[in-house]
Amino acid sequence: METIIIGICKYIICLLVVMYTLYCFTVFRKRKESQAGVYGFQLFLMFAIHAFSFVCIFIGRYMDTTEDMLKCSIMYLVQVIVFLVFIIAYRLAYRKLSPLVFNNMLMLMAFGLIMQTRLDYDDAIKQVIFITIGLTVCIIIPFIIRKIKYLKDFGWIYGFFGLICLMLVFVIGKEKYGAKNWIIIGGFAMQPSEFVKILFVFFVASCLSKAKDFKSIVKVSSLAAVHVMVLVLEKDLGGALIYSVVYLFMLYIATSDIRYLLAGFGAGSLAAVIAYKLFFHVRVRVIAWKDPWSVIDKQGYQICQSLFAIGTGGWFGMGLTKGLPTSIPVVGSDFIFAGISEEMGGIVGICIILICISCFIMFINISMKIRLEFYKLIALGLSIMYMFQVFLTIGGATKFIPSTGVTLPLVSSGGSSILSTIIMFNIIQGLYVLNQDDVESRKQQEPRTAREGRKRRRNELEDTIV
């Protein structure tokens, strides 16, 4: 009976996820009046996916004792309450939020909570706590973006403060997974680089929106390069790669000079060769990427297990709790995509990629509509940062590129990653609200401007007749 129920649920979950994903791309075909209904239906689909997933987890993992059943039931109720509370709170606080960005953020969180509950109950508790803290604290961010007009004036302060935060790990940092980029306080591990990357975008956006002459670009590039060098010294090469790519694209977008982009990619290629020569864990990851089967007992074990999981899951998955995702090292963070693909299926995995792409498209769309260059560059920088991190995580899990040790935003475990991504999404929401205010303001001025134009033309005509 257990196998039958989980088998039925996996097909239902797959269908619901496909429906949710289709609405991410087809909602804009509908009229504005009917879009609200679609967004509401998306939330219904999210809660349905969450409920059917917990049915599988409850039956397959938490029915051994009464205590386990109670724990799973409480975890489900807590997660539902958290979602409902913040849906209401954000809708009351901001009438003009982007519904699609908000829904996608919650949907990705739901996938993360489902998998963490399935993998490790304690990790699921931490995930709920971090999400609750993040959504509570960050509800003020759209208000700050909307009301504080002088954020663009602190460019170098953003840059130097972020650099100091990065360098803290040399004093109180701990090494984890080969990189010394962690600060551990009271049992909680934090990566300063996850938060500094947002300050880094603000620093670059502020400086490049003010001056684009060669001398100014050299100054900005120098401080950006110091950020990257600090990350390299910490052996956080995934973070260094993200910072570098984001800076290059922001520089190209701000200047429209492709020479900077080509020069940056050339320097990056040279840096990759040097990193391969200098760092042992980089060579290990490259060996595991090139031919993991030849070193399956050592360096290639993780990627081989990831590929086995993805292949075993097929299109529809084994069903939640019916796979062996725990055989993949650090499956809850770096290789969460493989765990999802094994138990929820390749179709769900592809849909998660499409939901992330939907977020990226909305971020870019928001940035294109913003008139002020500072805010436009922030939106573009955060868009590139988000999508590039998704690419690195999924690319590493599928052996498309060497593993870089970065997490899948909002889905993987890790407080720093979750909090920084919630901040990122709320900044985008703030920019969306700001742009909506600007659009409304222009609409209110248009009738008056049109009347003034007609009056001026009438006066000119009368003068001509006279």
Protein backbone atom coordinates (compact mmCIF):
# COMPACT_ATOMS: atom_id res chain seq x y z
CA MET A 1 0.00 0.00 0.00
CA GLU A 2 2.84 2.39 0.90
CA THR A 3 4.50 1.88 -2.49
CA ILE A 4 1.20 2.38 -4.35
CA ILE A 5 0.39 5.66 -2.55
CA ILE A 6 3.90 7.07 -3.10
CA GLY A 7 3.78 5.94 -6.73
CA ILE A 8 0.45 7.73 -7.33
CA CYS A 9 1.66 10.84 -5.50
CA LYS A 10 4.83 11.16 -7.59
CA TYR A 11 2.78 11.42 -10.80
CA ILE A 12 0.41 13.93 -9.22
CA ILE A 13 3.34 16.01 -7.98
CA CYS A 14 4.93 15.92 -11.42
CA LEU A 15 1.71 17.10 -13.08
CA LEU A 16 1.23 19.92 -10.55
CA VAL A 17 4.84 21.12 -10.94
CA VAL A 18 4.47 21.15 -14.75
CA MET A 19 1.25 23.19 -14.43
CA TYR A 20 2.91 25.67 -12.09
CA THR A 21 5.88 26.06 -14.45
CA LEU A 22 3.69 26.59 -17.52
CA TYR A 23 1.88 29.41 -15.75
CA CYS A 24 5.25 31.10 -15.10
CA PHE A 25 5.57 31.67 -18.85
CA THR A 26 1.96 31.85 -20.08
CA VAL A 27 0.53 34.23 -17.49
CA PHE A 28 1.56 37.28 -19.52
CA ARG A 29 -0.68 36.23 -22.41
CA LYS A 30 -3.70 36.84 -20.22
CA ARG A 31 -5.37 40.15 -19.54
CA LYS A 32 -4.34 42.07 -16.48
CA GLU A 33 -7.64 41.38 -14.73
CA SER A 34 -7.25 37.59 -15.03
CA GLN A 35 -3.55 37.51 -14.08
CA ALA A 36 -4.41 37.86 -10.38
CA GLY A 37 -6.41 34.63 -10.59
CA VAL A 38 -3.48 32.84 -12.21
CA TYR A 39 -1.09 33.98 -9.48
CA GLY A 40 -3.54 32.81 -6.84
CA PHE A 41 -3.82 29.44 -8.58
CA GLN A 42 -0.02 29.18 -8.59
CA LEU A 43 -0.04 29.49 -4.81
CA PHE A 44 -2.73 26.80 -4.64
CA LEU A 45 -0.53 24.53 -6.78
CA MET A 46 2.44 25.21 -4.50
CA PHE A 47 0.49 24.20 -1.39
CA ALA A 48 -0.81 21.09 -3.22
CA ILE A 49 2.73 20.06 -4.26
CA HIS A 50 3.88 20.62 -0.69
CA ALA A 51 0.99 18.55 0.74
CA PHE A 52 1.39 15.56 -1.61
CA SER A 53 5.15 15.58 -1.01
CA PHE A 54 4.62 15.42 2.75
CA VAL A 55 2.19 12.52 2.30
CA CYS A 56 5.07 10.59 0.68
CA ILE A 57 7.58 11.66 3.35
CA PHE A 58 5.16 10.82 6.16
CA ILE A 59 4.34 7.36 4.81
CA GLY A 60 7.86 6.47 3.70
CA ARG A 61 9.96 7.84 6.53
CA TYR A 62 8.05 8.94 9.64
CA MET A 63 5.61 6.12 10.43
CA ASP A 64 7.90 3.99 12.57
CA THR A 65 6.86 5.50 15.90
CA THR A 66 4.19 7.85 17.22
CA GLU A 67 6.91 10.39 17.99
CA ASP A 68 8.10 10.38 14.37
CA MET A 69 4.55 10.81 13.07
CA LEU A 70 4.01 13.74 15.43
CA LYS A 71 7.32 15.35 14.38
CA CYS A 72 6.45 15.12 10.69
CA SER A 73 2.93 16.46 11.23
CA ILE A 74 4.20 19.42 13.25
CA MET A 75 6.88 20.15 10.62
CA TYR A 76 4.25 20.20 7.87
CA LEU A 77 1.92 22.51 9.82
CA VAL A 78 4.75 24.88 10.75
CA GLN A 79 5.84 25.18 7.13
CA VAL A 80 2.28 25.83 5.93
CA ILE A 81 1.77 28.47 8.63
CA VAL A 82 5.06 30.18 7.73
CA PHE A 83 4.04 30.37 4.07
CA LEU A 84 0.52 31.64 4.84
CA VAL A 85 1.70 34.27 7.33
CA PHE A 86 4.26 35.74 4.95
CA ILE A 87 1.96 35.63 1.92
CA ILE A 88 -0.53 37.76 3.89
CA ALA A 89 2.16 39.99 5.43
CA TYR A 90 3.89 40.82 2.15
CA ARG A 91 0.61 41.40 0.32
CA LEU A 92 -0.57 43.78 3.05
CA ALA A 93 2.77 45.59 3.23
CA TYR A 94 3.24 46.03 -0.52
CA ARG A 95 0.30 46.29 -2.88
CA LYS A 96 2.59 46.54 -5.91
CA LEU A 97 4.84 43.49 -5.40
CA SER A 98 5.69 41.37 -8.43
CA PRO A 99 3.42 38.32 -7.84
CA LEU A 100 5.46 36.03 -10.10
CA VAL A 101 8.78 36.78 -8.40
CA PHE A 102 7.15 36.30 -4.98
CA ASN A 103 5.43 33.04 -5.97
CA ASN A 104 8.63 31.62 -7.48
CA MET A 105 10.58 32.50 -4.34
CA LEU A 106 8.06 30.58 -2.21
CA MET A 107 7.96 27.65 -4.67
CA LEU A 108 11.74 27.23 -4.59
CA MET A 109 11.66 27.45 -0.79
CA ALA A 110 8.98 24.74 -0.75
CA PHE A 111 11.20 22.40 -2.80
CA GLY A 112 14.04 23.05 -0.37
CA LEU A 113 11.92 22.37 2.71
CA ILE A 114 10.49 19.18 1.17
CA MET A 115 13.94 17.78 0.45
CA GLN A 116 15.49 18.84 3.76
CA THR A 117 12.61 17.23 5.68
CA ARG A 118 13.10 14.06 3.66
CA LEU A 119 16.91 14.05 4.16
CA ASP A 120 17.46 15.31 7.70
CA TYR A 121 14.84 16.55 10.18
CA ASP A 122 17.31 18.76 12.05
CA ASP A 123 18.39 20.45 8.82
CA ALA A 124 14.73 21.05 8.00
CA ILE A 125 14.25 22.81 11.34
CA LYS A 126 17.23 25.06 10.60
CA GLN A 127 15.88 25.75 7.12
CA VAL A 128 12.50 26.84 8.52
CA ILE A 129 14.23 29.09 11.07
CA PHE A 130 16.42 30.76 8.44
CA ILE A 131 13.49 31.28 6.08
CA THR A 132 11.38 32.77 8.88
CA ILE A 133 14.18 35.11 9.98
CA GLY A 134 14.94 36.08 6.39
CA LEU A 135 11.35 36.84 5.38
CA THR A 136 10.72 38.73 8.64
CA VAL A 137 13.80 40.96 8.50
CA CYS A 138 13.76 41.49 4.74
CA ILE A 139 10.15 42.66 4.55
CA ILE A 140 11.52 46.15 5.17
CA ILE A 141 13.93 46.07 2.20
CA PRO A 142 11.42 47.12 -0.51
CA PHE A 143 10.45 50.06 1.73
CA ILE A 144 14.12 51.09 2.07
CA ILE A 145 14.69 50.85 -1.69
CA ARG A 146 11.53 52.83 -2.30
CA LYS A 147 12.07 55.63 0.22
CA ILE A 148 15.83 56.16 0.63
CA LYS A 149 17.03 58.06 -2.42
CA TYR A 150 20.73 58.42 -1.53
CA LEU A 151 21.76 54.74 -1.63
CA LYS A 152 23.73 55.54 -4.78
CA ASP A 153 26.07 57.85 -2.85
CA PHE A 154 27.92 55.19 -0.83
CA GLY A 155 29.77 53.35 -3.59
CA TRP A 156 33.24 53.18 -2.08
CA ILE A 157 31.80 52.59 1.40
CA TYR A 158 30.01 49.49 0.07
CA GLY A 159 33.26 48.32 -1.52
CA PHE A 160 35.59 48.80 1.46
CA PHE A 161 33.08 47.56 4.05
CA GLY A 162 32.50 44.42 2.00
CA LEU A 163 36.24 43.85 1.68
CA ILE A 164 36.68 44.14 5.47
CA CYS A 165 33.90 41.58 5.99
CA LEU A 166 35.58 39.19 3.55
CA MET A 167 38.92 39.53 5.35
CA LEU A 168 37.37 38.66 8.73
CA VAL A 169 37.78 34.98 7.91
CA PHE A 170 41.57 35.35 8.07
CA VAL A 171 41.14 36.27 11.75
CA ILE A 172 38.23 34.14 12.98
CA GLY A 173 37.47 31.92 10.00
CA LYS A 174 37.30 28.12 9.85
CA GLU A 175 38.08 25.79 6.97
CA LYS A 176 35.26 23.67 5.57
CA TYR A 177 35.16 21.60 2.36
CA GLY A 178 38.65 22.83 1.43
CA ALA A 179 37.85 26.57 1.69
CA LYS A 180 38.55 28.86 4.63
CA ASN A 181 35.51 31.09 4.16
CA TRP A 182 33.35 30.16 7.13
CA ILE A 183 32.70 31.88 10.45
CA ILE A 184 31.18 29.57 13.06
CA ILE A 185 29.21 31.16 15.92
CA GLY A 186 27.28 29.08 18.44
CA GLY A 187 26.95 26.07 16.17
CA PHE A 188 25.82 28.12 13.15
CA ALA A 189 28.23 28.43 10.22
CA MET A 190 28.12 31.62 8.15
CA GLN A 191 29.78 32.58 4.87
CA PRO A 192 30.49 36.35 4.76
CA SER A 193 30.98 36.13 0.99
CA GLU A 194 27.27 35.31 0.53
CA PHE A 195 26.28 38.71 1.94
CA VAL A 196 29.25 40.69 0.63
CA LYS A 197 28.30 39.75 -2.95
CA ILE A 198 25.21 41.98 -2.61
CA LEU A 199 27.34 44.85 -1.28
CA PHE A 200 29.70 44.16 -4.19
CA VAL A 201 26.87 44.73 -6.70
CA PHE A 202 25.89 47.98 -4.95
CA PHE A 203 29.53 49.13 -4.99
CA VAL A 204 29.97 48.46 -8.71
CA ALA A 205 26.56 49.92 -9.62
CA SER A 206 27.18 53.10 -7.64
CA CYS A 207 30.67 53.74 -9.02
CA LEU A 208 29.90 52.89 -12.65
CA SER A 209 26.69 54.93 -12.69
CA LYS A 210 28.69 58.05 -11.75
CA ALA A 211 31.77 57.83 -13.98
CA LYS A 212 32.82 55.63 -16.88
CA ASP A 213 36.11 57.22 -17.94
CA PHE A 214 39.14 54.94 -18.10
CA LYS A 215 40.69 56.27 -14.87
CA SER A 216 37.51 55.63 -12.87
CA ILE A 217 37.13 52.14 -14.37
CA VAL A 218 40.71 51.29 -13.36
CA LYS A 219 39.97 52.34 -9.76
CA VAL A 220 36.75 50.33 -9.57
CA SER A 221 38.37 47.33 -11.25
CA SER A 222 41.27 47.42 -8.79
CA LEU A 223 39.02 47.19 -5.74
CA ALA A 224 36.89 44.53 -7.46
CA ALA A 225 40.06 42.55 -8.18
CA VAL A 226 41.06 42.76 -4.50
CA HIS A 227 37.70 41.20 -3.57
CA VAL A 228 38.36 38.34 -5.97
CA MET A 229 41.94 37.87 -4.73
CA VAL A 230 40.76 37.63 -1.12
CA LEU A 231 38.29 34.90 -2.14
CA VAL A 232 41.06 33.07 -4.00
CA LEU A 233 43.28 33.20 -0.90
CA GLU A 234 40.37 31.77 1.09
CA LYS A 235 40.19 29.01 -1.57
CA ASP A 236 36.58 29.99 -2.25
CA LEU A 237 37.03 29.69 -5.99
CA GLY A 238 33.32 29.32 -6.71
CA GLY A 239 32.68 32.66 -5.01
CA ALA A 240 35.64 34.25 -6.83
CA LEU A 241 34.21 33.07 -10.15
CA ILE A 242 30.77 34.54 -9.39
CA TYR A 243 32.22 37.92 -8.36
CA SER A 244 34.40 38.05 -11.48
CA VAL A 245 31.64 37.20 -13.95
CA VAL A 246 29.17 39.62 -12.34
CA TYR A 247 31.70 42.46 -12.44
CA LEU A 248 32.61 41.82 -16.07
CA PHE A 249 29.01 41.87 -17.24
CA MET A 250 28.13 44.93 -15.15
CA LEU A 251 31.16 46.73 -16.61
CA TYR A 252 30.17 45.76 -20.14
CA ILE A 253 26.55 46.81 -19.61
CA ALA A 254 27.58 50.15 -18.08
CA THR A 255 30.14 51.02 -20.79
CA SER A 256 28.85 49.07 -23.84
CA ASP A 257 32.52 48.39 -24.63
CA ILE A 258 33.00 44.71 -25.55
CA ARG A 259 36.78 45.03 -25.18
CA TYR A 260 36.41 45.02 -21.40
CA LEU A 261 34.37 41.82 -21.58
CA LEU A 262 36.85 40.05 -23.88
CA ALA A 263 39.83 41.20 -21.80
CA GLY A 264 38.10 39.95 -18.65
CA PHE A 265 37.37 36.52 -20.10
CA GLY A 266 40.98 36.28 -21.28
CA ALA A 267 42.28 37.14 -17.82
CA GLY A 268 39.79 34.71 -16.28
CA SER A 269 41.00 31.87 -18.50
CA LEU A 270 44.58 32.55 -17.45
CA ALA A 271 43.52 32.69 -13.78
CA ALA A 272 41.78 29.30 -14.15
CA VAL A 273 45.00 27.71 -15.41
CA ILE A 274 46.98 29.26 -12.52
CA ALA A 275 44.36 28.06 -9.98
CA TYR A 276 44.62 24.55 -11.42
CA LYS A 277 48.39 24.61 -10.88
CA LEU A 278 48.27 26.11 -7.38
CA PHE A 279 45.32 24.46 -5.62
CA PHE A 280 45.08 20.72 -5.06
CA HIS A 281 41.28 20.69 -4.53
CA VAL A 282 40.85 22.41 -7.91
CA ARG A 283 42.84 19.66 -9.61
CA VAL A 284 40.73 17.07 -7.79
CA ARG A 285 37.51 18.62 -9.12
CA VAL A 286 38.85 18.88 -12.66
CA ILE A 287 39.96 15.22 -12.60
CA ALA A 288 36.53 14.20 -11.27
CA TRP A 289 34.88 16.21 -14.05
CA LYS A 290 37.01 14.90 -16.93
CA ASP A 291 36.69 11.20 -16.13
CA PRO A 292 34.94 10.42 -12.83
CA TRP A 293 34.65 6.71 -13.64
CA SER A 294 38.42 6.24 -13.57
CA VAL A 295 38.57 7.61 -10.00
CA ILE A 296 35.15 6.50 -8.79
CA ASP A 297 36.51 5.25 -5.45
CA LYS A 298 38.20 8.59 -4.68
CA GLN A 299 37.87 11.96 -6.41
CA GLY A 300 35.03 10.90 -8.71
CA TYR A 301 32.80 9.30 -6.08
CA GLN A 302 30.58 12.36 -5.52
CA ILE A 303 29.88 13.18 -9.15
CA CYS A 304 29.39 9.49 -10.03
CA GLN A 305 26.80 9.12 -7.27
CA SER A 306 25.10 12.28 -8.54
CA LEU A 307 24.93 10.91 -12.09
CA PHE A 308 23.70 7.54 -10.83
CA ALA A 309 20.92 9.32 -8.88
CA ILE A 310 19.81 11.44 -11.83
CA GLY A 311 19.86 8.43 -14.17
CA THR A 312 18.05 6.17 -11.72
CA GLY A 313 15.27 8.70 -11.18
CA GLY A 314 14.37 8.86 -14.86
CA TRP A 315 11.57 11.19 -15.92
CA PHE A 316 9.20 10.66 -12.98
CA GLY A 317 11.56 9.73 -10.14
CA MET A 318 11.65 6.88 -7.67
CA GLY A 319 9.16 8.61 -5.40
CA LEU A 320 10.02 10.57 -2.27
CA THR A 321 11.81 8.34 0.28
CA LYS A 322 12.24 5.54 -2.31
CA GLY A 323 15.66 6.61 -3.60
CA LEU A 324 19.12 6.76 -2.04
CA PRO A 325 20.02 10.47 -2.13
CA THR A 326 21.97 10.19 1.11
CA SER A 327 24.63 8.18 -0.78
CA ILE A 328 25.66 11.48 -2.45
CA PRO A 329 28.09 13.46 -0.26
CA VAL A 330 26.70 16.90 0.79
CA VAL A 331 23.47 16.16 -1.08
CA GLY A 332 21.57 18.71 1.00
CA SER A 333 23.63 21.63 -0.28
CA ASP A 334 25.88 21.36 -3.36
CA PHE A 335 24.12 18.36 -4.92
CA ILE A 336 20.49 18.99 -3.96
CA PHE A 337 19.51 18.95 -7.65
CA ALA A 338 20.64 15.33 -7.96
CA GLY A 339 18.61 14.34 -4.90
CA ILE A 340 15.49 16.02 -6.29
CA SER A 341 15.98 14.43 -9.72
CA GLU A 342 16.34 10.95 -8.22
CA GLU A 343 13.18 10.99 -6.11
CA MET A 344 10.95 13.57 -7.82
CA GLY A 345 12.12 12.92 -11.39
CA GLY A 346 13.87 14.56 -14.30
CA ILE A 347 10.69 16.41 -15.33
CA VAL A 348 10.54 18.12 -11.93
CA GLY A 349 14.28 18.85 -12.19
CA ILE A 350 13.77 20.52 -15.57
CA CYS A 351 10.82 22.47 -14.17
CA ILE A 352 13.00 23.78 -11.32
CA ILE A 353 15.50 25.01 -13.92
CA LEU A 354 12.65 26.70 -15.83
CA ILE A 355 11.33 28.34 -12.64
CA CYS A 356 14.84 29.73 -12.01
CA ILE A 357 14.93 30.97 -15.62
CA SER A 358 11.52 32.56 -15.07
CA CYS A 359 12.97 34.46 -12.09
CA PHE A 360 15.93 35.56 -14.21
CA ILE A 361 13.68 36.78 -17.04
CA MET A 362 11.56 38.77 -14.58
CA PHE A 363 14.69 40.29 -13.00
CA ILE A 364 15.94 41.35 -16.43
CA ASN A 365 12.50 42.65 -17.38
CA ILE A 366 12.38 44.76 -14.21
CA SER A 367 15.86 46.13 -14.84
CA MET A 368 15.00 47.10 -18.42
CA LYS A 369 12.04 49.21 -17.25
CA ILE A 370 14.02 51.18 -14.64
CA ARG A 371 15.15 54.60 -15.79
CA LEU A 372 17.82 55.45 -13.19
CA GLU A 373 21.11 53.81 -14.12
CA PHE A 374 22.15 52.98 -10.53
CA TYR A 375 19.02 50.89 -9.93
CA LYS A 376 19.18 49.41 -13.41
CA LEU A 377 22.74 48.18 -12.81
CA ILE A 378 21.77 46.72 -9.42
CA ALA A 379 18.92 44.74 -10.97
CA LEU A 380 21.13 43.51 -13.81
CA GLY A 381 23.99 42.61 -11.45
CA LEU A 382 21.73 40.64 -9.11
CA SER A 383 20.08 38.94 -12.11
CA ILE A 384 23.42 37.73 -13.46
CA MET A 385 24.62 36.72 -10.00
CA TYR A 386 21.49 34.65 -9.35
CA MET A 387 21.39 32.87 -12.70
CA PHE A 388 25.13 32.21 -12.82
CA GLN A 389 24.97 30.58 -9.39
CA VAL A 390 22.09 28.37 -10.58
CA PHE A 391 24.18 27.43 -13.62
CA LEU A 392 27.22 26.55 -11.49
CA THR A 393 25.21 24.38 -9.08
CA ILE A 394 23.21 22.43 -11.65
CA GLY A 395 26.14 22.29 -14.08
CA GLY A 396 28.33 20.76 -11.37
CA ALA A 397 25.71 18.19 -10.36
CA THR A 398 25.19 17.05 -13.97
CA LYS A 399 28.91 17.00 -14.89
CA PHE A 400 28.41 19.81 -17.40
CA ILE A 401 31.17 21.78 -15.65
CA PRO A 402 33.52 20.98 -12.73
CA SER A 403 31.86 21.25 -9.34
CA THR A 404 32.43 24.65 -7.74
CA GLY A 405 30.87 24.04 -4.33
CA VAL A 406 28.09 26.63 -4.57
CA THR A 407 24.49 26.10 -3.50
CA LEU A 408 21.21 26.18 -5.41
CA PRO A 409 19.57 29.44 -4.20
CA LEU A 410 16.58 28.96 -1.84
CA VAL A 411 16.60 25.17 -2.35
CA SER A 412 19.89 23.99 -0.84
CA SER A 413 20.49 23.97 2.90
CA GLY A 414 22.65 26.71 4.35
CA GLY A 415 21.60 29.76 6.31
CA SER A 416 23.95 32.20 4.58
CA SER A 417 22.76 31.20 1.12
CA ILE A 418 19.08 31.34 2.06
CA LEU A 419 19.31 34.71 3.82
CA SER A 420 21.39 36.34 1.09
CA THR A 421 19.01 35.10 -1.63
CA ILE A 422 15.95 36.37 0.26
CA ILE A 423 17.71 39.75 0.52
CA MET A 424 18.40 39.61 -3.22
CA PHE A 425 14.77 38.81 -4.11
CA ASN A 426 13.49 41.58 -1.83
CA ILE A 427 15.85 44.12 -3.37
CA ILE A 428 14.42 43.17 -6.78
CA GLN A 429 10.93 43.55 -5.35
CA GLY A 430 11.87 46.98 -4.03
CA LEU A 431 13.08 48.00 -7.49
CA TYR A 432 9.83 46.67 -9.00
CA VAL A 433 7.75 48.70 -6.55
CA LEU A 434 9.92 51.77 -7.22
CA ASN A 435 9.37 51.39 -10.95
CA GLN A 436 5.59 50.97 -10.45
CA ASP A 437 5.57 54.24 -8.49
CA ASP A 438 7.46 55.91 -11.34
CA VAL A 439 4.98 54.58 -13.93
CA GLU A 440 2.00 55.81 -11.90
CA SER A 441 3.64 59.21 -11.44
CA ARG A 442 4.20 59.58 -15.18
CA LYS A 443 0.61 58.54 -15.93
CA GLN A 444 -0.70 61.20 -13.57
CA GLN A 445 1.46 63.84 -15.25
CA GLU A 446 0.58 62.81 -18.80
CA PRO A 447 -2.93 64.38 -18.94
CA ARG A 448 -1.63 67.68 -17.64
CA THR A 449 1.28 67.59 -20.07
CA ALA A 450 -1.08 66.76 -22.93
CA ARG A 451 -3.37 69.69 -22.02
CA GLU A 452 -0.43 72.05 -21.79
CA GLY A 453 0.78 70.83 -25.19
CA ARG A 454 -2.62 71.39 -26.81
CA LYS A 455 -2.89 74.86 -25.25
CA ARG A 456 0.61 75.79 -26.47
CA ARG A 457 -0.16 74.58 -30.01
CA ARG A 458 -3.47 76.53 -29.99
CA ASN A 459 -1.68 79.67 -28.89
CA GLU A 460 0.95 79.19 -31.60
CA LEU A 461 -1.79 78.74 -34.18
CA GLU A 462 -3.59 81.88 -33.02
CA ASP A 463 -0.31 83.84 -33.17
CA THR A 464 0.24 82.55 -36.71
CA ILE A 465 -3.27 83.59 -37.78
CA VAL A 466 -2.83 87.04 -36.27
